[in-house]
Protein backbone atom coordinates (compact mmCIF):
# COMPACT_ATOMS: atom_id res chain seq x y z
CA UNK A 1 0.01 -0.05 -0.03
CA UNK A 2 1.37 3.49 -0.85
CA UNK A 3 1.97 5.71 2.12
CA UNK A 4 -0.96 7.77 2.72
CA UNK A 5 -0.46 11.33 4.06
CA UNK A 6 -3.01 13.59 5.94
CA UNK A 7 -2.92 17.31 6.89
CA UNK A 8 -3.32 17.96 10.52
CA UNK A 9 -2.83 21.23 12.26
CA UNK A 10 -1.35 22.70 9.21
CA UNK A 11 1.32 19.89 8.85
CA UNK A 12 1.49 16.98 6.47
CA UNK A 13 1.82 13.52 8.38
CA UNK A 14 2.05 10.01 7.11
CA UNK A 15 -1.20 8.19 8.28
CA UNK A 16 0.92 5.47 9.77
CA UNK A 17 2.20 8.17 12.24
CA UNK A 18 -1.23 9.22 13.44
CA UNK A 19 -3.89 7.90 15.72
CA UNK A 20 -7.57 8.40 16.18
CA UNK A 21 -8.31 9.45 19.85
CA UNK A 22 -11.77 8.81 21.25
CA UNK A 23 -13.09 11.59 23.56
CA UNK A 24 -15.89 11.18 26.10
CA UNK A 25 -18.60 13.77 26.19
CA UNK A 26 -16.80 15.59 29.10
CA UNK A 27 -13.80 15.99 26.75
CA UNK A 28 -11.48 13.35 28.48
CA UNK A 29 -9.70 10.92 26.13
CA UNK A 30 -10.66 7.29 26.52
CA UNK A 31 -9.35 5.31 23.71
CA UNK A 32 -7.03 5.23 20.67
CA UNK A 33 -6.86 3.61 17.21
CA UNK A 34 -3.77 3.57 15.20
CA UNK A 35 -4.69 5.14 11.95
CA UNK A 36 -2.68 2.96 9.61
CA UNK A 37 -0.82 -0.33 10.28
CA UNK A 38 0.33 -2.85 7.52
CA UNK A 39 -2.31 -2.99 4.84
CA UNK A 40 -5.07 -1.50 7.05
CA UNK A 41 -5.91 2.34 7.10
CA UNK A 42 -8.56 4.20 8.83
CA UNK A 43 -8.17 7.50 6.96
CA UNK A 44 -11.60 8.93 7.50
CA UNK A 45 -13.53 9.49 10.70
CA UNK A 46 -16.34 7.20 9.46
CA UNK A 47 -13.74 4.38 8.85
CA UNK A 48 -12.41 4.94 12.36
CA UNK A 49 -15.91 4.69 13.99
CA UNK A 50 -16.58 1.61 11.98
CA UNK A 51 -13.49 -0.07 13.23
CA UNK A 52 -14.21 0.93 16.77
CA UNK A 53 -17.95 0.16 16.82
CA UNK A 54 -18.66 -2.19 13.92
CA UNK A 55 -22.61 -1.94 14.60
CA UNK A 56 -24.30 1.11 13.34
CA UNK A 57 -26.51 1.38 16.30
CA UNK A 58 -23.32 1.41 18.59
CA UNK A 59 -21.85 4.17 16.56
CA UNK A 60 -25.16 6.17 16.53
CA UNK A 61 -25.49 5.66 20.24
CA UNK A 62 -22.07 6.97 21.18
CA UNK A 63 -22.36 9.74 18.82
CA UNK A 64 -25.74 10.76 20.41
CA UNK A 65 -24.11 10.59 23.83
CA UNK A 66 -21.43 13.12 22.74
CA UNK A 67 -18.41 10.92 22.04
CA UNK A 68 -16.17 12.12 19.26
CA UNK A 69 -13.02 11.09 17.43
CA UNK A 70 -9.92 13.26 16.57
CA UNK A 71 -7.01 12.34 14.37
CA UNK A 72 -3.70 13.55 15.66
CA UNK A 73 -0.01 12.78 15.05
CA UNK A 74 1.86 10.48 17.29
CA UNK A 75 4.04 13.44 18.61
CA UNK A 76 1.00 15.39 19.57
CA UNK A 77 -0.56 12.29 21.13
CA UNK A 78 2.48 11.63 23.19
CA UNK A 79 2.70 15.28 24.36
CA UNK A 80 -1.03 15.83 25.09
CA UNK A 81 -2.91 12.45 25.73
CA UNK A 82 -2.55 10.31 28.71
CA UNK A 83 -5.12 7.26 28.57
CA UNK A 84 -4.02 6.12 31.96
CA UNK A 85 -5.37 9.10 33.83
CA UNK A 86 -8.80 8.56 35.29
CA UNK A 87 -11.48 10.96 34.20
CA UNK A 88 -12.07 13.45 36.91
CA UNK A 89 -15.66 14.14 35.84
CA UNK A 90 -16.87 10.66 36.72
CA UNK A 91 -17.57 10.14 40.36
CA UNK A 92 -16.04 7.09 41.89
CA UNK A 93 -19.07 5.06 42.71
CA UNK A 94 -17.34 1.68 42.53
CA UNK A 95 -16.11 -0.02 45.56
CA UNK A 96 -13.76 -3.09 45.70
CA UNK A 97 -16.82 -5.24 46.45
CA UNK A 98 -18.66 -4.00 43.35
CA UNK A 99 -15.52 -4.63 41.19
CA UNK A 100 -15.14 -8.19 42.64
CA UNK A 101 -18.75 -8.93 41.87
CA UNK A 102 -18.31 -7.61 38.16
CA UNK A 103 -15.36 -9.93 37.80
CA UNK A 104 -17.02 -13.03 39.21
CA UNK A 105 -20.44 -12.32 37.68
CA UNK A 106 -21.89 -11.71 41.12
CA UNK A 107 -21.07 -15.10 42.46
CA UNK A 108 -18.66 -15.86 45.22
């Protein structure tokens, strides 16, 4: 496959050096999809949505809820996005007991 290029923030980048970041409605990042690897490329936002959520009803649901995707270069991703940071907008309602129940399916 020929190397695909995209223009982001006024610069030209190889698609293989980019990633799609999923943002929650609150604006916090919650996921990443490599834009191109091997013979697979997700050059458009719709292609990225379809890869992340294969079912149209899932894509529609998340879009209605306010989730969005943004294509960015790997250097910008490394500088600005940290997916290991917990979203400060979600209240911590989960206790260890609740987590344990979820893992075991509610059985002990």
